[in-house]
Amino acid sequence: MGRSLDLRKRLYRHLGPLVRVLRGKKVLFSSRGHCLTCRRDVTFIATGPWLRDHLLCPDCGSKPRERALMRVLEMFFPDWAERVIHESSPIDRGASVRLGRECVRYIPSQLFGDMPLGEQRNGVRCEDLRQMTFADSSIDLHVTQDVMEHVFEPEKVFREIARTLKPGGAHVFTVPLVNKHRPSRTRAVVGTDRQVSHLLPPVYHGNPVSSDGALVTVDWGFDICRHIYEASGLFTQIVHIDDLSYGIRAEYIEVLVTVKPGSDDRKE
């Protein structure tokens, strides 16, 4: 009896996460690979056709875009765990969890409407990306995951990121480039009276700190690189990864890397 119970416990430890992901749903696609966010060999499972949301790691629940971001960090900045990383609007899975666990100088932030900028709540700093309280050249890596489609006045955000990055630092981020080759399109703006004006019918995505959701303010296209340059003077590279061995396959999972030149680069 004891050995049987022990066996069931061991099976649940290995299969429990998979059972929680499936929850009676039909598996439409599966692929064996290595998850970069929980660092385990797993079988990625998709229970729906939209792989961006449905191709999950059964152990950590990460999605393809989160694993793609982790892959780019390891490719471009293999020493990321030793750097000062600020992540705006982290989530409770995937890359956010690994960054928070392994980076000793990891700074998570959210924009809380009821507290001053720069203060902390439960270890999370209150920051507005348009007017961050970080000192000039104090951050090695800014990380945002599907945040930039929700910000008002993105040109201010891009300038603030450039101001606070150390020379040689970078903004590494995901944002759905839904307009692709078409010009980016503003969906909503905010006035000096803080009132929101909708230029297109409102669209909302999930919000980790509000049940009201997050309003989509911009439908970005590939011309986001030009917008970033015009606002900040920094160049941006778009990285697209399609690699099932890391569970990275879906639409709109490009990772963008905006780099602030180092002192040596600027001399050249």
C-alpha atoms as a PDB file:
ATOM      1  CA  MET A   1       0.000   0.000   0.000  1.00  0.00           C
ATOM      2  CA  GLY A   2       2.804   2.405   0.910  1.00  0.00           C
ATOM      3  CA  ARG A   3       4.692   1.729  -2.307  1.00  0.00           C
ATOM      4  CA  SER A   4       1.486   2.189  -4.348  1.00  0.00           C
ATOM      5  CA  LEU A   5       0.798   5.551  -2.703  1.00  0.00           C
ATOM      6  CA  ASP A   6       4.375   6.649  -3.278  1.00  0.00           C
ATOM      7  CA  LEU A   7       4.081   5.708  -6.958  1.00  0.00           C
ATOM      8  CA  ARG A   8       0.878   7.729  -7.314  1.00  0.00           C
ATOM      9  CA  LYS A   9       2.572  10.735  -5.735  1.00  0.00           C
ATOM     10  CA  ARG A  10       5.490  10.488  -8.117  1.00  0.00           C
ATOM     11  CA  LEU A  11       3.180  10.159 -11.117  1.00  0.00           C
ATOM     12  CA  TYR A  12       1.161  13.183 -10.021  1.00  0.00           C
ATOM     13  CA  ARG A  13       4.340  15.209  -9.549  1.00  0.00           C
ATOM     14  CA  HIS A  14       5.288  14.539 -13.170  1.00  0.00           C
ATOM     15  CA  LEU A  15       1.825  14.475 -14.756  1.00  0.00           C
ATOM     16  CA  GLY A  16      -0.037  16.907 -12.506  1.00  0.00           C
ATOM     17  CA  PRO A  17       1.015  20.050 -14.418  1.00  0.00           C
ATOM     18  CA  LEU A  18      -0.004  18.432 -17.694  1.00  0.00           C
ATOM     19  CA  VAL A  19      -3.393  17.483 -16.272  1.00  0.00           C
ATOM     20  CA  ARG A  20      -3.944  21.048 -15.096  1.00  0.00           C
ATOM     21  CA  VAL A  21      -3.149  22.417 -18.562  1.00  0.00           C
ATOM     22  CA  LEU A  22      -5.450  19.995 -20.341  1.00  0.00           C
ATOM     23  CA  ARG A  23      -8.438  20.113 -17.949  1.00  0.00           C
ATOM     24  CA  GLY A  24     -10.417  17.816 -20.195  1.00  0.00           C
ATOM     25  CA  LYS A  25      -9.523  19.665 -23.416  1.00  0.00           C
ATOM     26  CA  LYS A  26      -8.547  17.908 -26.601  1.00  0.00           C
ATOM     27  CA  VAL A  27      -4.887  18.071 -27.589  1.00  0.00           C
ATOM     28  CA  LEU A  28      -4.617  19.569 -31.078  1.00  0.00           C
ATOM     29  CA  PHE A  29      -0.842  19.682 -31.238  1.00  0.00           C
ATOM     30  CA  SER A  30       2.101  18.552 -29.133  1.00  0.00           C
ATOM     31  CA  SER A  31       5.848  18.775 -29.475  1.00  0.00           C
ATOM     32  CA  ARG A  32       8.709  17.565 -27.334  1.00  0.00           C
ATOM     33  CA  GLY A  33      11.310  20.201 -26.476  1.00  0.00           C
ATOM     34  CA  HIS A  34      13.111  22.265 -23.857  1.00  0.00           C
ATOM     35  CA  CYS A  35      11.339  25.123 -22.072  1.00  0.00           C
ATOM     36  CA  LEU A  36      13.686  28.045 -21.515  1.00  0.00           C
ATOM     37  CA  THR A  37      11.526  29.656 -18.853  1.00  0.00           C
ATOM     38  CA  CYS A  38      11.422  26.712 -16.440  1.00  0.00           C
ATOM     39  CA  ARG A  39      14.544  25.015 -17.864  1.00  0.00           C
ATOM     40  CA  ARG A  40      12.903  21.598 -18.197  1.00  0.00           C
ATOM     41  CA  ASP A  41      12.481  19.085 -21.003  1.00  0.00           C
ATOM     42  CA  VAL A  42       8.732  18.955 -21.587  1.00  0.00           C
ATOM     43  CA  THR A  43       6.036  18.133 -24.115  1.00  0.00           C
ATOM     44  CA  PHE A  44       4.495  21.415 -25.217  1.00  0.00           C
ATOM     45  CA  ILE A  45       0.732  21.096 -25.569  1.00  0.00           C
ATOM     46  CA  ALA A  46      -1.725  23.134 -27.665  1.00  0.00           C
ATOM     47  CA  THR A  47      -5.430  22.782 -26.884  1.00  0.00           C
ATOM     48  CA  GLY A  48      -6.482  25.432 -29.406  1.00  0.00           C
ATOM     49  CA  PRO A  49      -5.454  26.562 -32.897  1.00  0.00           C
ATOM     50  CA  TRP A  50      -4.125  29.993 -31.830  1.00  0.00           C
ATOM     51  CA  LEU A  51      -0.651  28.893 -30.794  1.00  0.00           C
ATOM     52  CA  ARG A  52       0.270  32.317 -29.395  1.00  0.00           C
ATOM     53  CA  ASP A  53      -2.058  31.658 -26.471  1.00  0.00           C
ATOM     54  CA  HIS A  54      -2.513  27.900 -26.619  1.00  0.00           C
ATOM     55  CA  LEU A  55       0.953  26.332 -27.073  1.00  0.00           C
ATOM     56  CA  LEU A  56       1.761  26.013 -23.386  1.00  0.00           C
ATOM     57  CA  CYS A  57       4.494  24.511 -21.293  1.00  0.00           C
ATOM     58  CA  PRO A  58       2.702  22.058 -18.975  1.00  0.00           C
ATOM     59  CA  ASP A  59       5.189  22.728 -16.175  1.00  0.00           C
ATOM     60  CA  CYS A  60       5.306  26.545 -15.997  1.00  0.00           C
ATOM     61  CA  GLY A  61       2.412  27.612 -18.243  1.00  0.00           C
ATOM     62  CA  SER A  62       4.631  29.785 -20.431  1.00  0.00           C
ATOM     63  CA  LYS A  63       3.570  30.832 -23.927  1.00  0.00           C
ATOM     64  CA  PRO A  64       5.676  30.972 -27.119  1.00  0.00           C
ATOM     65  CA  ARG A  65       6.349  34.717 -26.935  1.00  0.00           C
ATOM     66  CA  GLU A  66       7.686  34.361 -23.377  1.00  0.00           C
ATOM     67  CA  ARG A  67      10.010  31.557 -24.402  1.00  0.00           C
ATOM     68  CA  ALA A  68      11.115  33.600 -27.444  1.00  0.00           C
ATOM     69  CA  LEU A  69      11.977  36.548 -25.210  1.00  0.00           C
ATOM     70  CA  MET A  70      14.014  34.272 -22.956  1.00  0.00           C
ATOM     71  CA  ARG A  71      15.818  32.848 -25.974  1.00  0.00           C
ATOM     72  CA  VAL A  72      16.747  36.332 -27.217  1.00  0.00           C
ATOM     73  CA  LEU A  73      17.994  37.359 -23.778  1.00  0.00           C
ATOM     74  CA  GLU A  74      20.259  34.326 -23.649  1.00  0.00           C
ATOM     75  CA  MET A  75      21.496  34.887 -27.220  1.00  0.00           C
ATOM     76  CA  PHE A  76      22.168  38.630 -26.959  1.00  0.00           C
ATOM     77  CA  PHE A  77      22.886  39.031 -23.228  1.00  0.00           C
ATOM     78  CA  PRO A  78      24.127  35.706 -21.816  1.00  0.00           C
ATOM     79  CA  ASP A  79      25.152  37.464 -18.592  1.00  0.00           C
ATOM     80  CA  TRP A  80      21.627  38.864 -18.022  1.00  0.00           C
ATOM     81  CA  ALA A  81      21.406  37.375 -14.522  1.00  0.00           C
ATOM     82  CA  GLU A  82      24.236  39.671 -13.386  1.00  0.00           C
ATOM     83  CA  ARG A  83      22.711  42.835 -14.819  1.00  0.00           C
ATOM     84  CA  VAL A  84      20.240  45.407 -13.516  1.00  0.00           C
ATOM     85  CA  ILE A  85      16.940  44.390 -15.090  1.00  0.00           C
ATOM     86  CA  HIS A  86      13.753  46.415 -14.846  1.00  0.00           C
ATOM     87  CA  GLU A  87      10.600  44.641 -15.991  1.00  0.00           C
ATOM     88  CA  SER A  88       7.413  46.643 -16.363  1.00  0.00           C
ATOM     89  CA  SER A  89       4.160  44.758 -15.732  1.00  0.00           C
ATOM     90  CA  PRO A  90       5.608  41.296 -15.034  1.00  0.00           C
ATOM     91  CA  ILE A  91       3.307  38.298 -14.914  1.00  0.00           C
ATOM     92  CA  ASP A  92       3.262  35.271 -12.623  1.00  0.00           C
ATOM     93  CA  ARG A  93       4.647  32.757 -15.104  1.00  0.00           C
ATOM     94  CA  GLY A  94       7.283  32.167 -17.735  1.00  0.00           C
ATOM     95  CA  ALA A  95      10.102  34.630 -18.302  1.00  0.00           C
ATOM     96  CA  SER A  96       9.000  36.963 -15.497  1.00  0.00           C
ATOM     97  CA  VAL A  97       9.305  34.163 -12.956  1.00  0.00           C
ATOM     98  CA  ARG A  98      12.733  33.106 -14.159  1.00  0.00           C
ATOM     99  CA  LEU A  99      14.057  36.675 -14.293  1.00  0.00           C
ATOM    100  CA  GLY A 100      12.809  37.362 -10.784  1.00  0.00           C
ATOM    101  CA  ARG A 101      14.289  34.129  -9.461  1.00  0.00           C
ATOM    102  CA  GLU A 102      17.725  34.266 -11.083  1.00  0.00           C
ATOM    103  CA  CYS A 103      18.547  37.958 -11.521  1.00  0.00           C
ATOM    104  CA  VAL A 104      19.836  39.370  -8.238  1.00  0.00           C
ATOM    105  CA  ARG A 105      19.181  42.959  -9.373  1.00  0.00           C
ATOM    106  CA  TYR A 106      15.724  42.430 -10.830  1.00  0.00           C
ATOM    107  CA  ILE A 107      13.279  45.332 -10.387  1.00  0.00           C
ATOM    108  CA  PRO A 108       9.602  44.594 -11.136  1.00  0.00           C
ATOM    109  CA  SER A 109       7.216  47.505 -11.578  1.00  0.00           C
ATOM    110  CA  GLN A 110       3.544  48.235 -12.149  1.00  0.00           C
ATOM    111  CA  LEU A 111       1.678  51.518 -12.513  1.00  0.00           C
ATOM    112  CA  PHE A 112      -0.462  51.720  -9.390  1.00  0.00           C
ATOM    113  CA  GLY A 113      -2.925  54.575  -9.550  1.00  0.00           C
ATOM    114  CA  ASP A 114      -3.117  55.026  -5.797  1.00  0.00           C
ATOM    115  CA  MET A 115       0.523  55.475  -4.793  1.00  0.00           C
ATOM    116  CA  PRO A 116       3.430  57.828  -5.640  1.00  0.00           C
ATOM    117  CA  LEU A 117       5.888  56.902  -8.342  1.00  0.00           C
ATOM    118  CA  GLY A 118       9.051  55.250  -7.054  1.00  0.00           C
ATOM    119  CA  GLU A 119       7.439  53.707  -3.977  1.00  0.00           C
ATOM    120  CA  GLN A 120       6.962  49.961  -3.525  1.00  0.00           C
ATOM    121  CA  ARG A 121       4.072  47.660  -2.777  1.00  0.00           C
ATOM    122  CA  ASN A 122       4.897  44.064  -1.850  1.00  0.00           C
ATOM    123  CA  GLY A 123       8.284  44.394  -3.504  1.00  0.00           C
ATOM    124  CA  VAL A 124       6.886  45.853  -6.731  1.00  0.00           C
ATOM    125  CA  ARG A 125       7.880  49.395  -7.620  1.00  0.00           C
ATOM    126  CA  CYS A 126       5.336  51.951  -8.872  1.00  0.00           C
ATOM    127  CA  GLU A 127       6.528  53.342 -12.203  1.00  0.00           C
ATOM    128  CA  ASP A 128       5.009  55.193 -15.151  1.00  0.00           C
ATOM    129  CA  LEU A 129       7.017  54.375 -18.268  1.00  0.00           C
ATOM    130  CA  ARG A 130       6.451  57.929 -19.496  1.00  0.00           C
ATOM    131  CA  GLN A 131       8.214  59.450 -16.478  1.00  0.00           C
ATOM    132  CA  MET A 132      10.289  56.859 -14.695  1.00  0.00           C
ATOM    133  CA  THR A 133      11.992  57.674 -11.404  1.00  0.00           C
ATOM    134  CA  PHE A 134      15.169  55.779 -12.317  1.00  0.00           C
ATOM    135  CA  ALA A 135      18.354  57.825 -12.632  1.00  0.00           C
ATOM    136  CA  ASP A 136      19.991  58.454 -15.991  1.00  0.00           C
ATOM    137  CA  SER A 137      22.004  55.477 -17.300  1.00  0.00           C
ATOM    138  CA  SER A 138      21.051  53.231 -14.377  1.00  0.00           C
ATOM    139  CA  ILE A 139      19.385  50.203 -16.043  1.00  0.00           C
ATOM    140  CA  ASP A 140      21.131  47.482 -18.055  1.00  0.00           C
ATOM    141  CA  LEU A 141      17.992  45.902 -19.496  1.00  0.00           C
ATOM    142  CA  HIS A 142      14.418  47.101 -19.672  1.00  0.00           C
ATOM    143  CA  VAL A 143      12.076  44.173 -20.311  1.00  0.00           C
ATOM    144  CA  THR A 144       8.433  44.489 -21.346  1.00  0.00           C
ATOM    145  CA  GLN A 145       6.153  41.688 -22.465  1.00  0.00           C
ATOM    146  CA  ASP A 146       3.142  42.847 -24.494  1.00  0.00           C
ATOM    147  CA  VAL A 147       3.120  46.245 -22.805  1.00  0.00           C
ATOM    148  CA  MET A 148       3.962  48.715 -25.548  1.00  0.00           C
ATOM    149  CA  GLU A 149       0.601  48.288 -27.294  1.00  0.00           C
ATOM    150  CA  HIS A 150      -1.066  49.618 -24.134  1.00  0.00           C
ATOM    151  CA  VAL A 151       0.943  52.759 -23.360  1.00  0.00           C
ATOM    152  CA  PHE A 152      -0.206  56.298 -24.023  1.00  0.00           C
ATOM    153  CA  GLU A 153       2.318  58.714 -25.542  1.00  0.00           C
ATOM    154  CA  PRO A 154       4.719  55.960 -26.658  1.00  0.00           C
ATOM    155  CA  GLU A 155       7.245  58.523 -27.857  1.00  0.00           C
ATOM    156  CA  LYS A 156       7.720  59.597 -24.231  1.00  0.00           C
ATOM    157  CA  VAL A 157       8.177  55.967 -23.207  1.00  0.00           C
ATOM    158  CA  PHE A 158      10.856  55.390 -25.846  1.00  0.00           C
ATOM    159  CA  ARG A 159      12.709  58.539 -24.713  1.00  0.00           C
ATOM    160  CA  GLU A 160      12.550  57.511 -21.068  1.00  0.00           C
ATOM    161  CA  ILE A 161      13.887  54.066 -21.885  1.00  0.00           C
ATOM    162  CA  ALA A 162      16.795  55.651 -23.768  1.00  0.00           C
ATOM    163  CA  ARG A 163      17.480  58.053 -20.881  1.00  0.00           C
ATOM    164  CA  THR A 164      17.592  55.395 -18.197  1.00  0.00           C
ATOM    165  CA  LEU A 165      19.529  52.741 -20.119  1.00  0.00           C
ATOM    166  CA  LYS A 166      23.222  52.376 -19.440  1.00  0.00           C
ATOM    167  CA  PRO A 167      25.501  52.637 -22.494  1.00  0.00           C
ATOM    168  CA  GLY A 168      25.430  49.183 -24.056  1.00  0.00           C
ATOM    169  CA  GLY A 169      22.077  48.418 -22.432  1.00  0.00           C
ATOM    170  CA  ALA A 170      18.909  47.462 -24.230  1.00  0.00           C
ATOM    171  CA  HIS A 171      15.141  47.334 -24.181  1.00  0.00           C
ATOM    172  CA  VAL A 172      14.163  43.721 -24.926  1.00  0.00           C
ATOM    173  CA  PHE A 173      10.448  43.341 -25.508  1.00  0.00           C
ATOM    174  CA  THR A 174       7.547  41.638 -27.176  1.00  0.00           C
ATOM    175  CA  VAL A 175       4.656  43.511 -28.772  1.00  0.00           C
ATOM    176  CA  PRO A 176       2.145  42.131 -31.271  1.00  0.00           C
ATOM    177  CA  LEU A 177       3.050  43.618 -34.661  1.00  0.00           C
ATOM    178  CA  VAL A 178      -0.484  43.172 -35.938  1.00  0.00           C
ATOM    179  CA  ASN A 179      -0.174  45.697 -38.758  1.00  0.00           C
ATOM    180  CA  LYS A 180       2.998  44.126 -40.125  1.00  0.00           C
ATOM    181  CA  HIS A 181       3.838  46.016 -43.351  1.00  0.00           C
ATOM    182  CA  ARG A 182       1.056  48.563 -42.897  1.00  0.00           C
ATOM    183  CA  PRO A 183       1.667  51.775 -40.937  1.00  0.00           C
ATOM    184  CA  SER A 184       1.145  51.592 -37.194  1.00  0.00           C
ATOM    185  CA  ARG A 185      -2.246  52.906 -36.144  1.00  0.00           C
ATOM    186  CA  THR A 186      -3.154  54.810 -32.981  1.00  0.00           C
ATOM    187  CA  ARG A 187      -6.348  53.546 -31.395  1.00  0.00           C
ATOM    188  CA  ALA A 188      -6.645  55.853 -28.378  1.00  0.00           C
ATOM    189  CA  VAL A 189      -5.030  59.009 -27.020  1.00  0.00           C
ATOM    190  CA  VAL A 190      -5.142  60.798 -23.678  1.00  0.00           C
ATOM    191  CA  GLY A 191      -5.584  64.559 -23.322  1.00  0.00           C
ATOM    192  CA  THR A 192      -4.113  67.034 -20.860  1.00  0.00           C
ATOM    193  CA  ASP A 193      -7.263  66.522 -18.778  1.00  0.00           C
ATOM    194  CA  ARG A 194      -6.386  62.787 -18.606  1.00  0.00           C
ATOM    195  CA  GLN A 195      -9.529  61.936 -20.528  1.00  0.00           C
ATOM    196  CA  VAL A 196      -9.194  59.106 -23.057  1.00  0.00           C
ATOM    197  CA  SER A 197     -10.324  59.721 -26.619  1.00  0.00           C
ATOM    198  CA  HIS A 198     -11.020  56.636 -28.721  1.00  0.00           C
ATOM    199  CA  LEU A 199     -10.042  56.962 -32.363  1.00  0.00           C
ATOM    200  CA  LEU A 200     -11.158  53.381 -33.060  1.00  0.00           C
ATOM    201  CA  PRO A 201     -13.529  51.006 -31.239  1.00  0.00           C
ATOM    202  CA  PRO A 202     -11.896  50.103 -27.885  1.00  0.00           C
ATOM    203  CA  VAL A 203     -10.098  46.782 -27.554  1.00  0.00           C
ATOM    204  CA  TYR A 204      -8.907  45.396 -24.227  1.00  0.00           C
ATOM    205  CA  HIS A 205      -6.367  42.743 -23.255  1.00  0.00           C
ATOM    206  CA  GLY A 206      -5.814  41.094 -19.883  1.00  0.00           C
ATOM    207  CA  ASN A 207      -4.294  43.197 -17.118  1.00  0.00           C
ATOM    208  CA  PRO A 208      -2.403  41.625 -14.163  1.00  0.00           C
ATOM    209  CA  VAL A 209      -3.398  44.456 -11.797  1.00  0.00           C
ATOM    210  CA  SER A 210      -6.908  45.337 -12.987  1.00  0.00           C
ATOM    211  CA  SER A 211      -9.987  43.299 -13.822  1.00  0.00           C
ATOM    212  CA  ASP A 212     -10.995  46.114 -16.210  1.00  0.00           C
ATOM    213  CA  GLY A 213      -8.338  44.951 -18.650  1.00  0.00           C
ATOM    214  CA  ALA A 214      -5.700  46.970 -20.503  1.00  0.00           C
ATOM    215  CA  LEU A 215      -6.807  49.241 -23.338  1.00  0.00           C
ATOM    216  CA  VAL A 216      -4.966  48.753 -26.641  1.00  0.00           C
ATOM    217  CA  THR A 217      -3.660  52.173 -27.654  1.00  0.00           C
ATOM    218  CA  VAL A 218      -1.618  51.301 -30.758  1.00  0.00           C
ATOM    219  CA  ASP A 219      -1.767  48.655 -33.471  1.00  0.00           C
ATOM    220  CA  TRP A 220       1.964  48.447 -34.185  1.00  0.00           C
ATOM    221  CA  GLY A 221       3.540  47.459 -37.487  1.00  0.00           C
ATOM    222  CA  PHE A 222       7.135  46.884 -38.531  1.00  0.00           C
ATOM    223  CA  ASP A 223       7.533  50.662 -38.688  1.00  0.00           C
ATOM    224  CA  ILE A 224       7.745  50.654 -34.885  1.00  0.00           C
ATOM    225  CA  CYS A 225      11.520  50.736 -35.409  1.00  0.00           C
ATOM    226  CA  ARG A 226      11.194  54.131 -37.115  1.00  0.00           C
ATOM    227  CA  HIS A 227       8.958  55.434 -34.324  1.00  0.00           C
ATOM    228  CA  ILE A 228      11.529  54.366 -31.731  1.00  0.00           C
ATOM    229  CA  TYR A 229      14.369  56.005 -33.645  1.00  0.00           C
ATOM    230  CA  GLU A 230      12.495  59.270 -34.153  1.00  0.00           C
ATOM    231  CA  ALA A 231      11.652  59.429 -30.444  1.00  0.00           C
ATOM    232  CA  SER A 232      14.959  58.275 -28.955  1.00  0.00           C
ATOM    233  CA  GLY A 233      17.664  58.116 -31.617  1.00  0.00           C
ATOM    234  CA  LEU A 234      18.143  54.402 -30.926  1.00  0.00           C
ATOM    235  CA  PHE A 235      18.083  51.598 -33.466  1.00  0.00           C
ATOM    236  CA  THR A 236      15.912  48.507 -33.019  1.00  0.00           C
ATOM    237  CA  GLN A 237      16.296  44.977 -34.338  1.00  0.00           C
ATOM    238  CA  ILE A 238      13.308  42.677 -34.842  1.00  0.00           C
ATOM    239  CA  VAL A 239      14.099  39.032 -34.094  1.00  0.00           C
ATOM    240  CA  HIS A 240      11.753  36.298 -35.291  1.00  0.00           C
ATOM    241  CA  ILE A 241      12.323  32.775 -33.994  1.00  0.00           C
ATOM    242  CA  ASP A 242      10.568  29.641 -35.172  1.00  0.00           C
ATOM    243  CA  ASP A 243      12.019  26.713 -33.267  1.00  0.00           C
ATOM    244  CA  LEU A 244       9.827  23.914 -31.952  1.00  0.00           C
ATOM    245  CA  SER A 245      12.744  22.465 -30.018  1.00  0.00           C
ATOM    246  CA  TYR A 246      12.178  25.411 -27.649  1.00  0.00           C
ATOM    247  CA  GLY A 247       8.409  25.504 -28.048  1.00  0.00           C
ATOM    248  CA  ILE A 248       8.625  28.712 -30.062  1.00  0.00           C
ATOM    249  CA  ARG A 249       6.081  28.773 -32.864  1.00  0.00           C
ATOM    250  CA  ALA A 250       3.156  31.152 -33.265  1.00  0.00           C
ATOM    251  CA  GLU A 251       1.972  34.379 -34.852  1.00  0.00           C
ATOM    252  CA  TYR A 252       3.091  37.767 -33.480  1.00  0.00           C
ATOM    253  CA  ILE A 253       5.962  36.492 -31.333  1.00  0.00           C
ATOM    254  CA  GLU A 254       8.713  38.757 -32.643  1.00  0.00           C
ATOM    255  CA  VAL A 255      11.148  39.991 -30.022  1.00  0.00           C
ATOM    256  CA  LEU A 256      12.458  43.531 -30.418  1.00  0.00           C
ATOM    257  CA  VAL A 257      15.852  44.686 -29.154  1.00  0.00           C
ATOM    258  CA  THR A 258      16.531  48.409 -28.898  1.00  0.00           C
ATOM    259  CA  VAL A 259      20.195  49.001 -28.014  1.00  0.00           C
ATOM    260  CA  LYS A 260      21.780  52.103 -26.515  1.00  0.00           C
ATOM    261  CA  PRO A 261      25.284  52.414 -27.989  1.00  0.00           C
ATOM    262  CA  GLY A 262      28.188  51.859 -25.640  1.00  0.00           C
ATOM    263  CA  SER A 263      30.857  54.495 -25.073  1.00  0.00           C
ATOM    264  CA  ASP A 264      33.246  52.755 -27.479  1.00  0.00           C
ATOM    265  CA  ASP A 265      30.579  52.580 -30.180  1.00  0.00           C
ATOM    266  CA  ARG A 266      29.802  56.270 -29.882  1.00  0.00           C
ATOM    267  CA  LYS A 267      33.477  57.192 -30.297  1.00  0.00           C
ATOM    268  CA  GLU A 268      33.531  55.322 -33.586  1.00  0.00           C
END
